[in-house]
Amino acid sequence: MIPLSFAQRRMWLLHQLEGASETYNMSAAFRLTGSLDEAALVTAISDLIERHEILRTTYPADGDGEPRQRILPMTEVSPRVPVRDVAPADVAVAVDEAVAHRFDLAAELPVRATLFRCSPREHVLVLVVHHIAMDGSSGAPLVRDLATAYTARRDGRSPDWEPLPVQYKDYTLWQRELLGDIDDPGSLAARQLDYWRTELAGVPQPLTLPLDRPRPAEASSHGDTVDFAVEPAVVARLEKLAAERGTTMSMVLQTALAVLLHKLGGGDDVTIGSPVAGRTDEALDDLVGFFANTLVLRADLSGDPSFTGLLAQVRDKALTAYEHQDLPFETLVEAINPDRSAAYQPLFQVMFAWQNFERRSLELAGLDVEYEQALTSTVKFDLFFSMAVDDSGTLRGDLQYATRLFDRDTAEAITTRFARVLDQLVADPDMCVGDVDVVDEDERRWLLHGVNDTAEPVLESGLVGSVARWASVSPDAPAVIGEAGSLSFRELDVRANRSAHWLIDRGVGPESLVAVCLPRSVDLVVALLAVLKAGAAYVPIDPDHPRSRIDYIIGDADPVLVLDGDVDCSEFPDTVPQVAVSPESTAYVIYTSGSTGNPKGVAVSRGALENLLATMSRRVPLSPEDRLLAVTTVSFDIAALELFLPLISGAAVVLVGRETVADPSAVVAVVKRHGVRVAQATPAFWQMVLMQETDAVKGLRVLVGGEALPVSLAEALADQAAEVLNVYGPTETTIWSTMAEVEAGSGVAIGAPIGNTQVYVLDARLRPVPRGVAGELYIAGDGLARGYFGRSALTCGRFVACPFGPAGARMYRTGDLVRFAGNGRLEYIGRTDFQVKVRGFRIELGEIEHVLAQHPGVAQAAVVVREAREGDKRLVGYVVPAPDTPADVDVQVDEWRQVYDDGYTDSGDEALGEDFQLWRSSYDGEPIPRAEMVEWRDAAVAQVLAFAPQRVLEIGVGSGLLLAEIVGEVQEYWGTDISGTVVDRVRGQVERAGFGDRVRLSAQAADDISGLPGGHFDTVVLNSVVQYFPGAGYLERVLDAAMGLLAPGGRVVVGDVRNAVTHRVL
């Protein structure tokens, strides 16, 4: 038997892992017009199989599981070429079925031919060969030999071709001899591996691409193909550039592809796979076989190189790679051993193939032959670019793409962007990569203006005027409902007017600051409204915050007054104060977290606040019968929406205090008692409420924002609520800037900009990035805050000039990473500094958190990066257990007791020490073979008997595996186990075996030593039971107890504690 080549071996392993699949089929269809000699064609195919041994080779495994080539003699081969009559309209479907054949490599020839007869003079021949027997360069010798054989058989003779000098088996043996032993430093394999280790060190994985869907945990082979073309004029200039720079066309196109991937979010370190023919000896040229190898070509785009500079880099790396092309990719991957994932291919996810091998069309005597597309709907990589220049000078390409990752529109857009890159690079080869623009004018127009067509009217009478209007229209309607009292619109307006006059009397006026430090009550709403009526701006402070924070805010804001208690305003008039304010006047200064540890104040204008209220009143219309629940601390800016949106709409705001908010059941009761129809809160709050009562939001209109909305929570809310709006916005752009309706199964987006707001997704040069590509979000429009209070330098750094608006326009740099999805909605990805790289992998922490949160025992999860030692980054997850998750050690012990009671209840009547039934591998969950268990038991027994013990206690006696082997060598054998069922069963086996007089068994937990004599045992055995302890603390407790049971000179024998789950703990 002959071994497989290295490339074949990888293909065989993939076949074993994935099962029979059409993914690795190579196929072609030929339309044959004219008088076809069907019998001659069938015989010619048999001749072809006889000539090329690789086409009559199967790949069975030997006794050791190693695959071997088995070359079948022609006496055992009877090639079958089915001839089927097919209507012309059904040919495409028939071809698709033929190319989807799944080969059994162990028993079936790797070639299959089917002939479809459309009419007496119209046939379609489909050839399908498994990749294990053929590569792209094999097409030319295959069709040439088929044509020769057909012509001969049609003329009634055998083919008169020259014998092949070598066969594929010769190449297989020669390849192994050439490379030598990779463990031999002097071998070719070892020398080439040294190069690749250096070249591919630290390759980031996976490459970031503009995916339409999250990458599944396991890659799928489902794919599709889009075609594209580049006109001859551009091709001619590309060829001229290649000649001038001493490169090949392939190198130019690969460089352009690296630029494209960089522009699509791939970063500065881009790896691309590229096949090479692998036919390094001309004797192989006429062979059909799998000679191709894959090279990994790495491009460094850091420092914004020019295209010609990058081309020179690619040229040098490609030439060096060609010098080291003999080492099979499969061997390279095994030797480098990068961190693997079933979600993507190792080392690269984008393949580029320059099809410059001989393309020989099938020429059959007396027939017109036309090649037809015959592709399987599969793909091996995320993206696979295949290109060649045809006879007209046009660059023809096709892009195979993974349909689980990309929509067809996205794949087509990628090819269009590639052509755009080529156009720019031939126009100016010396341009810097950073200047290349992959966004065309139509897309730019949409990105800058189409999505931002958000003009809407503002509140005609402003916030204060709107509340006053409802006090006139519906004076007795409830406005504020608190836990200790309520106010009608008339009462609210009167109290706010009197309080405003009181403030004015104390020097408060336009642009004055008044700190409001009151609990969530009707008095808080009165105070905030009064400050606005006085023409001033309020500084909201939560009285429950630490005193140091309160003192800092008051000291930094330096307000005219601090309202922190009751004020008697009864002597002041209830008329509306006459003050001069404008939309530019400050409405509030709210303090947010600061990077220095001290909060920073954000000054928000009245116009910005009123714009938010106006647009939200249209998107979330409220009627006088509606009630909106306010649960947010006043120091969080979203509280302003909760308090003021109902008031400008004639509805009522229902206030709940801090204690109520902390009790989900109390919140649910308030919702039901007051008939709340609308509520706004953070995801954390909604998660807490749903954990208390799954249908708590039934019928509610829900607004959720303030932090990223997990998909699982979005689904849960959408399943119950009447409407769910995911709202997004920084404090610096006045509460909310975008919103999206959440529907079950639609994923989570932050949507589109609200009224009079513009959003821009930009790169580092402040240029719009393409749809699907992540960029930093900038926000402009009427919602922009005035800036940071008293911090002009910080304001200038975050509020920058907007190049897309009128003169003097500003935009806020959010620091958030977002992208426009294919449907035009914004998707939140994370902070620009939340994307981390750990051991070469690009990781979004939110994705890891989402996975952790899927565990039924986890309510919430957070993940951070920790660096125990410099350069040793690790992800650390923190979880909040779900309410029903057992956290008590006793509960966990009880669960193990139940497991063993259940496991042994139905056991058979095995002899003592012969029951291995519950032993399973902690790695794969499969039963451990009996022979391995016996070997393990014998080693454990030998370890104990080495001390010649006489008085033994085994904690965790289990089914008596050790007891049965040791009891005959000792005076006393005591055993405890958590399971009463186990103990009763083993006790019966002991009695039947005649050892009842020296064995004592009892059912008790491992840390329970009641009834055991202290200072008595010379040996205490803790064997495999240790790996099932609830934690390291429990183990320490058991060991301490065991030490007290030992006689002087005794020992505790801790046996096998190997377990894939607890190995780090123990």
Foldseek 3Di string as FASTA:
>chain_A
DFAAALVLQVVVVCCVVVPFWLLQKDKWKKKKFFQAPVVLLQVLVLVLCQQAQLQQWAWAADPVRGTHTDRDHSVPDDADAEEEEDAPVCVVVVLQVVSGDTDDRHPDGQKHWYWYDNDNGIIMIMIMGGLQFFDLLQQVLSLVSSQQSSQQVVVPHGRPDDRQPDHVSVVRVVLCVQQDDCVPCPGLQVVLLVVVCVVLALAFPDFDALWQDDQDQAADFFKDKDKDKADLVLLVLLCVVCVVLVHHSLLLLVLLVVLLSCLRARPQKAKEKEKDQQCPDVSCSNHGGNRIAIFIQIFGCPPQAFLSVSSVVSRVRVVVRVVSRSNHPSNSCVVSVADDGSRFDPPYQEYEYESPHDDDDNDHPRIDMDIDDRDHSTDRGQKYKYWYQDPNSMIMIMIMHRVVTHDPVVVVLSVQLSSQSSVVCSVPVGHTSVPRDSADPVQQCCQQPVLQPFADDFDPLALLRLLVVLCVVPVQQWAEAEPVDTHGSVRLLQLLQLVLVVVVVLPQAFAAEEEEAEFFGSVSLSPLSNSVLRNYAYEYDHNPDDPVLVVLVCVQNVGSYYHYDDDDSPVGGSDRDDGDDDQQTWHYWAWDADPVRHTFTFTAGSQLQRLVLRLVCVVPPDALLAEEEQDDGPNDLCSSCQNRNQSSRNHYYYYYGPVQLVPLVSVLVVCVVSVHAEYEDELVSLLVNCLVPLQSQANHAYEYEDDDHFQVSLQSNQVGYPWYKDFDDDVQQRNGFFIDTGHHPPGDFNFGGTHQKRKAFAAPVRRGRGASGKGWIKMWGSRGTPAIPPCVPVRPVFWDDDPSDDPPTTIGGDQWIWGQRPVRTIHTQGGVPQFDGASSYTDRQVVVQSVVCVPQQFSGKGWDWDDPDVPHIDIDMDTDTRPPDDPDLVVLLVVVQVVLQVVCVPDDLDAQQPDQPPDAALVPRHRDDPVVVVVQLVVVLCVVCVVQWAAEEEEACFSPNNVVVCLVRYQAYEYEHQYPNSQVSNQVNCVVVPSNVRYHYDHDHLLDCPPADFQDTQEYEAEQVVLSRPAPVVVVSSVVVVVRRHHVNHDYHYYDPDHPVCPVRD
